[in-house]
Amino acid sequence: MNISEFANEYYADVVKATRGTGIFPEVALSQMYLESGKGESNLSKKFNNFFGVKCGSWSGKCVTLDTSEAGIPYKIPQKFRVYDSPYKSIRNYVEVLLAPRYANALKQTTPIAQITEIKKSGYATDPSYVSKIQPLITSFQAQIIALNSKKSSIGRVISLSSIGIGLMAILFYFYKKSRK
């Protein structure tokens, strides 16, 4: 899935889940995109786990899959969380980042500073994690602007249509009244 398709599919859920948390939607989308292999990984497609969140003390359903850690070239079996929907995966990601461990990340004023702090706080084991996420953040920022402007345009069209219908109704009323 390309970035545009991914944003179209998941942006609304990300905004809903991150609203009021201090998490930048473009950071969440970028992590989601990277961690899920562009939404194509087995973990995301079959188990709705878009962030690679492991089971740990999770009391919900888990699945064991092979993964690599910290750039190690061989695969290690790990237990990952299973979610009922992509939104529940996003919501759980938000809950993870709301833990005290990530408090400094949520105080950051830019997406790049935020992802840097998320990495520093131990979110990912890949030493190149931030450099992989940075270009994605830029791409998702552009997609978010496009999606928001499309929404605004649709709203303007609907508003103008409503005004046009209202004017037509008024004109019709006066037309009928003048014919009496």
C-alpha atoms as a PDB file:
ATOM      1  CA  MET A   1       0.000   0.000   0.000  1.00  0.00           C
ATOM      2  CA  ASN A   2       1.409   3.408  -0.851  1.00  0.00           C
ATOM      3  CA  ILE A   3       1.443   6.341   1.581  1.00  0.00           C
ATOM      4  CA  SER A   4      -1.579   8.024   0.008  1.00  0.00           C
ATOM      5  CA  GLU A   5      -3.699   4.849   0.210  1.00  0.00           C
ATOM      6  CA  PHE A   6      -2.518   4.210   3.760  1.00  0.00           C
ATOM      7  CA  ALA A   7      -3.419   7.747   4.862  1.00  0.00           C
ATOM      8  CA  ASN A   8      -6.836   7.491   3.205  1.00  0.00           C
ATOM      9  CA  GLU A   9      -7.476   4.207   4.991  1.00  0.00           C
ATOM     10  CA  TYR A  10      -6.240   4.989   8.510  1.00  0.00           C
ATOM     11  CA  TYR A  11      -6.002   8.766   9.036  1.00  0.00           C
ATOM     12  CA  ALA A  12      -9.502   9.176  10.515  1.00  0.00           C
ATOM     13  CA  ASP A  13      -8.894   6.374  13.041  1.00  0.00           C
ATOM     14  CA  VAL A  14      -5.495   7.835  13.978  1.00  0.00           C
ATOM     15  CA  VAL A  15      -6.973  11.304  14.528  1.00  0.00           C
ATOM     16  CA  LYS A  16      -9.793   9.852  16.623  1.00  0.00           C
ATOM     17  CA  ALA A  17      -7.392   7.785  18.761  1.00  0.00           C
ATOM     18  CA  THR A  18      -4.715  10.481  19.243  1.00  0.00           C
ATOM     19  CA  ARG A  19      -6.990  13.503  19.820  1.00  0.00           C
ATOM     20  CA  GLY A  20      -5.984  15.327  23.001  1.00  0.00           C
ATOM     21  CA  THR A  21      -3.006  13.067  23.753  1.00  0.00           C
ATOM     22  CA  GLY A  22      -0.113  15.133  22.393  1.00  0.00           C
ATOM     23  CA  ILE A  23       0.721  12.413  19.859  1.00  0.00           C
ATOM     24  CA  PHE A  24       1.200  13.857  16.389  1.00  0.00           C
ATOM     25  CA  PRO A  25      -1.013  11.964  13.896  1.00  0.00           C
ATOM     26  CA  GLU A  26       1.844  11.954  11.366  1.00  0.00           C
ATOM     27  CA  VAL A  27       4.085  10.244  13.934  1.00  0.00           C
ATOM     28  CA  ALA A  28       1.454   7.581  14.605  1.00  0.00           C
ATOM     29  CA  LEU A  29       0.808   7.027  10.884  1.00  0.00           C
ATOM     30  CA  SER A  30       4.549   6.849  10.161  1.00  0.00           C
ATOM     31  CA  GLN A  31       5.197   4.308  12.897  1.00  0.00           C
ATOM     32  CA  MET A  32       2.144   2.342  11.831  1.00  0.00           C
ATOM     33  CA  TYR A  33       3.315   2.323   8.202  1.00  0.00           C
ATOM     34  CA  LEU A  34       6.881   1.305   9.027  1.00  0.00           C
ATOM     35  CA  GLU A  35       6.015  -1.280  11.674  1.00  0.00           C
ATOM     36  CA  SER A  36       3.358  -2.926   9.508  1.00  0.00           C
ATOM     37  CA  GLY A  37       5.479  -3.125   6.369  1.00  0.00           C
ATOM     38  CA  LYS A  38       3.243  -0.577   4.595  1.00  0.00           C
ATOM     39  CA  GLY A  39       0.171  -2.376   5.953  1.00  0.00           C
ATOM     40  CA  GLU A  40       1.234  -5.574   4.197  1.00  0.00           C
ATOM     41  CA  SER A  41       2.793  -7.602   7.032  1.00  0.00           C
ATOM     42  CA  ASN A  42       1.235 -10.843   8.182  1.00  0.00           C
ATOM     43  CA  LEU A  43       0.931  -9.346  11.680  1.00  0.00           C
ATOM     44  CA  SER A  44      -1.109  -6.373  10.433  1.00  0.00           C
ATOM     45  CA  LYS A  45      -3.199  -8.170   7.799  1.00  0.00           C
ATOM     46  CA  LYS A  46      -4.175 -11.236   9.836  1.00  0.00           C
ATOM     47  CA  PHE A  47      -3.965  -9.937  13.400  1.00  0.00           C
ATOM     48  CA  ASN A  48      -4.582  -6.155  13.105  1.00  0.00           C
ATOM     49  CA  ASN A  49      -1.327  -5.436  14.963  1.00  0.00           C
ATOM     50  CA  PHE A  50       0.079  -2.454  13.045  1.00  0.00           C
ATOM     51  CA  PHE A  51       2.728  -1.424  15.567  1.00  0.00           C
ATOM     52  CA  GLY A  52       4.472  -4.690  16.374  1.00  0.00           C
ATOM     53  CA  VAL A  53       3.308  -4.503  20.000  1.00  0.00           C
ATOM     54  CA  LYS A  54       4.379  -7.592  21.907  1.00  0.00           C
ATOM     55  CA  CYS A  55       2.221  -9.386  24.458  1.00  0.00           C
ATOM     56  CA  GLY A  56       4.182  -8.699  27.631  1.00  0.00           C
ATOM     57  CA  SER A  57       1.600  -8.632  30.428  1.00  0.00           C
ATOM     58  CA  TRP A  58      -1.275  -8.390  27.915  1.00  0.00           C
ATOM     59  CA  SER A  59      -4.247 -10.489  28.988  1.00  0.00           C
ATOM     60  CA  GLY A  60      -5.781 -10.543  25.511  1.00  0.00           C
ATOM     61  CA  LYS A  61      -5.202 -12.861  22.586  1.00  0.00           C
ATOM     62  CA  CYS A  62      -1.601 -13.377  21.363  1.00  0.00           C
ATOM     63  CA  VAL A  63       0.109 -14.978  18.388  1.00  0.00           C
ATOM     64  CA  THR A  64       3.704 -16.224  18.132  1.00  0.00           C
ATOM     65  CA  LEU A  65       5.566 -15.112  15.011  1.00  0.00           C
ATOM     66  CA  ASP A  66       9.209 -14.977  13.988  1.00  0.00           C
ATOM     67  CA  THR A  67      10.810 -11.529  14.004  1.00  0.00           C
ATOM     68  CA  SER A  68      14.240  -9.912  14.017  1.00  0.00           C
ATOM     69  CA  GLU A  69      15.440  -7.595  16.762  1.00  0.00           C
ATOM     70  CA  ALA A  70      18.017  -4.797  16.658  1.00  0.00           C
ATOM     71  CA  GLY A  71      19.115  -5.701  13.157  1.00  0.00           C
ATOM     72  CA  ILE A  72      19.965  -9.319  14.024  1.00  0.00           C
ATOM     73  CA  PRO A  73      19.892 -11.214  10.696  1.00  0.00           C
ATOM     74  CA  TYR A  74      18.130 -14.325  12.031  1.00  0.00           C
ATOM     75  CA  LYS A  75      14.537 -14.658  13.212  1.00  0.00           C
ATOM     76  CA  ILE A  76      13.453 -15.017  16.837  1.00  0.00           C
ATOM     77  CA  PRO A  77       9.966 -16.234  17.861  1.00  0.00           C
ATOM     78  CA  GLN A  78       8.040 -13.542  19.764  1.00  0.00           C
ATOM     79  CA  LYS A  79       4.487 -13.246  21.091  1.00  0.00           C
ATOM     80  CA  PHE A  80       2.498 -10.338  19.624  1.00  0.00           C
ATOM     81  CA  ARG A  81      -0.862  -8.867  20.572  1.00  0.00           C
ATOM     82  CA  VAL A  82      -3.896  -9.652  18.427  1.00  0.00           C
ATOM     83  CA  TYR A  83      -6.578  -6.974  17.912  1.00  0.00           C
ATOM     84  CA  ASP A  84     -10.139  -7.137  16.619  1.00  0.00           C
ATOM     85  CA  SER A  85      -9.651  -4.130  14.322  1.00  0.00           C
ATOM     86  CA  PRO A  86      -7.022  -1.660  13.114  1.00  0.00           C
ATOM     87  CA  TYR A  87      -8.612   1.020  15.329  1.00  0.00           C
ATOM     88  CA  LYS A  88      -8.077  -1.131  18.441  1.00  0.00           C
ATOM     89  CA  SER A  89      -4.414  -1.515  17.459  1.00  0.00           C
ATOM     90  CA  ILE A  90      -4.098   2.265  17.097  1.00  0.00           C
ATOM     91  CA  ARG A  91      -5.904   2.827  20.393  1.00  0.00           C
ATOM     92  CA  ASN A  92      -3.562   0.405  22.186  1.00  0.00           C
ATOM     93  CA  TYR A  93      -0.523   2.117  20.635  1.00  0.00           C
ATOM     94  CA  VAL A  94      -1.834   5.386  22.118  1.00  0.00           C
ATOM     95  CA  GLU A  95      -2.233   3.707  25.526  1.00  0.00           C
ATOM     96  CA  VAL A  96       1.369   2.462  25.307  1.00  0.00           C
ATOM     97  CA  LEU A  97       2.637   5.993  24.571  1.00  0.00           C
ATOM     98  CA  LEU A  98       0.593   7.467  27.420  1.00  0.00           C
ATOM     99  CA  ALA A  99       2.691   5.470  29.914  1.00  0.00           C
ATOM    100  CA  PRO A 100       5.038   7.538  32.125  1.00  0.00           C
ATOM    101  CA  ARG A 101       8.012   6.136  30.199  1.00  0.00           C
ATOM    102  CA  TYR A 102       7.033   8.273  27.175  1.00  0.00           C
ATOM    103  CA  ALA A 103       5.998  11.438  29.048  1.00  0.00           C
ATOM    104  CA  ASN A 104       8.905  13.455  27.631  1.00  0.00           C
ATOM    105  CA  ALA A 105       8.021  12.400  24.084  1.00  0.00           C
ATOM    106  CA  LEU A 106       4.504  13.769  24.468  1.00  0.00           C
ATOM    107  CA  LYS A 107       5.881  17.173  25.521  1.00  0.00           C
ATOM    108  CA  GLN A 108       7.715  17.636  22.231  1.00  0.00           C
ATOM    109  CA  THR A 109       6.542  20.384  19.884  1.00  0.00           C
ATOM    110  CA  THR A 110       7.548  18.845  16.556  1.00  0.00           C
ATOM    111  CA  PRO A 111       6.960  15.385  15.080  1.00  0.00           C
ATOM    112  CA  ILE A 112      10.711  14.776  14.567  1.00  0.00           C
ATOM    113  CA  ALA A 113      11.494  15.678  18.180  1.00  0.00           C
ATOM    114  CA  GLN A 114       8.639  13.429  19.290  1.00  0.00           C
ATOM    115  CA  ILE A 115       9.802  10.360  17.346  1.00  0.00           C
ATOM    116  CA  THR A 116      13.358  10.949  18.580  1.00  0.00           C
ATOM    117  CA  GLU A 117      12.126  10.905  22.196  1.00  0.00           C
ATOM    118  CA  ILE A 118       9.917   7.870  21.566  1.00  0.00           C
ATOM    119  CA  LYS A 119      12.999   5.995  20.327  1.00  0.00           C
ATOM    120  CA  LYS A 120      15.124   7.249  23.266  1.00  0.00           C
ATOM    121  CA  SER A 121      12.454   5.986  25.649  1.00  0.00           C
ATOM    122  CA  GLY A 122      12.910   2.457  24.336  1.00  0.00           C
ATOM    123  CA  TYR A 123      10.065   2.027  21.841  1.00  0.00           C
ATOM    124  CA  ALA A 124      12.183   0.419  19.094  1.00  0.00           C
ATOM    125  CA  THR A 125      15.305  -1.717  19.022  1.00  0.00           C
ATOM    126  CA  ASP A 126      16.436  -0.693  15.519  1.00  0.00           C
ATOM    127  CA  PRO A 127      19.321   1.804  15.840  1.00  0.00           C
ATOM    128  CA  SER A 128      18.204   3.455  12.547  1.00  0.00           C
ATOM    129  CA  TYR A 129      14.561   3.770  13.602  1.00  0.00           C
ATOM    130  CA  VAL A 130      14.391   7.578  13.653  1.00  0.00           C
ATOM    131  CA  SER A 131      16.140   7.980  10.297  1.00  0.00           C
ATOM    132  CA  LYS A 132      13.666   5.498   8.773  1.00  0.00           C
ATOM    133  CA  ILE A 133      10.664   7.340  10.221  1.00  0.00           C
ATOM    134  CA  GLN A 134      11.703  10.931   9.359  1.00  0.00           C
ATOM    135  CA  PRO A 135      10.953  10.782   5.596  1.00  0.00           C
ATOM    136  CA  LEU A 136       7.671   9.027   6.342  1.00  0.00           C
ATOM    137  CA  ILE A 137       6.638  11.842   8.679  1.00  0.00           C
ATOM    138  CA  THR A 138       7.253  14.374   5.891  1.00  0.00           C
ATOM    139  CA  SER A 139       5.220  12.288   3.436  1.00  0.00           C
ATOM    140  CA  PHE A 140       2.341  11.831   5.861  1.00  0.00           C
ATOM    141  CA  GLN A 141       2.314  15.558   6.664  1.00  0.00           C
ATOM    142  CA  ALA A 142       1.723  16.224   2.956  1.00  0.00           C
ATOM    143  CA  GLN A 143      -1.028  13.585   2.843  1.00  0.00           C
ATOM    144  CA  ILE A 144      -2.723  15.049   5.923  1.00  0.00           C
ATOM    145  CA  ILE A 145      -2.751  18.502   4.296  1.00  0.00           C
ATOM    146  CA  ALA A 146      -4.259  16.985   1.144  1.00  0.00           C
ATOM    147  CA  LEU A 147      -6.904  15.063   3.102  1.00  0.00           C
ATOM    148  CA  ASN A 148      -7.860  18.107   5.172  1.00  0.00           C
ATOM    149  CA  SER A 149      -8.109  20.363   2.116  1.00  0.00           C
ATOM    150  CA  LYS A 150     -10.253  17.751   0.341  1.00  0.00           C
ATOM    151  CA  LYS A 151     -12.546  17.671   3.387  1.00  0.00           C
ATOM    152  CA  SER A 152     -12.751  21.485   3.397  1.00  0.00           C
ATOM    153  CA  SER A 153     -13.569  21.547  -0.323  1.00  0.00           C
ATOM    154  CA  ILE A 154     -16.355  19.014   0.126  1.00  0.00           C
ATOM    155  CA  GLY A 155     -17.735  21.075   2.999  1.00  0.00           C
ATOM    156  CA  ARG A 156     -17.705  24.209   0.823  1.00  0.00           C
ATOM    157  CA  VAL A 157     -19.465  22.392  -2.020  1.00  0.00           C
ATOM    158  CA  ILE A 158     -22.133  21.085   0.340  1.00  0.00           C
ATOM    159  CA  SER A 159     -22.573  24.561   1.856  1.00  0.00           C
ATOM    160  CA  LEU A 160     -22.853  26.181  -1.573  1.00  0.00           C
ATOM    161  CA  SER A 161     -25.318  23.498  -2.688  1.00  0.00           C
ATOM    162  CA  SER A 162     -27.428  24.128   0.404  1.00  0.00           C
ATOM    163  CA  ILE A 163     -27.411  27.865  -0.277  1.00  0.00           C
ATOM    164  CA  GLY A 164     -28.376  27.244  -3.907  1.00  0.00           C
ATOM    165  CA  ILE A 165     -31.248  24.961  -2.901  1.00  0.00           C
ATOM    166  CA  GLY A 166     -32.413  27.509  -0.337  1.00  0.00           C
ATOM    167  CA  LEU A 167     -32.340  30.329  -2.892  1.00  0.00           C
ATOM    168  CA  MET A 168     -34.238  28.211  -5.376  1.00  0.00           C
ATOM    169  CA  ALA A 169     -36.899  27.492  -2.765  1.00  0.00           C
ATOM    170  CA  ILE A 170     -37.252  31.203  -1.988  1.00  0.00           C
ATOM    171  CA  LEU A 171     -37.495  32.103  -5.685  1.00  0.00           C
ATOM    172  CA  PHE A 172     -40.062  29.362  -6.258  1.00  0.00           C
ATOM    173  CA  TYR A 173     -42.101  30.647  -3.306  1.00  0.00           C
ATOM    174  CA  PHE A 174     -42.174  34.181  -4.714  1.00  0.00           C
ATOM    175  CA  TYR A 175     -42.850  32.888  -8.208  1.00  0.00           C
ATOM    176  CA  LYS A 176     -45.900  30.941  -6.984  1.00  0.00           C
ATOM    177  CA  LYS A 177     -47.069  33.933  -4.945  1.00  0.00           C
ATOM    178  CA  SER A 178     -46.810  36.274  -7.960  1.00  0.00           C
ATOM    179  CA  ARG A 179     -48.893  33.895 -10.090  1.00  0.00           C
ATOM    180  CA  LYS A 180     -51.903  34.101  -7.719  1.00  0.00           C
END
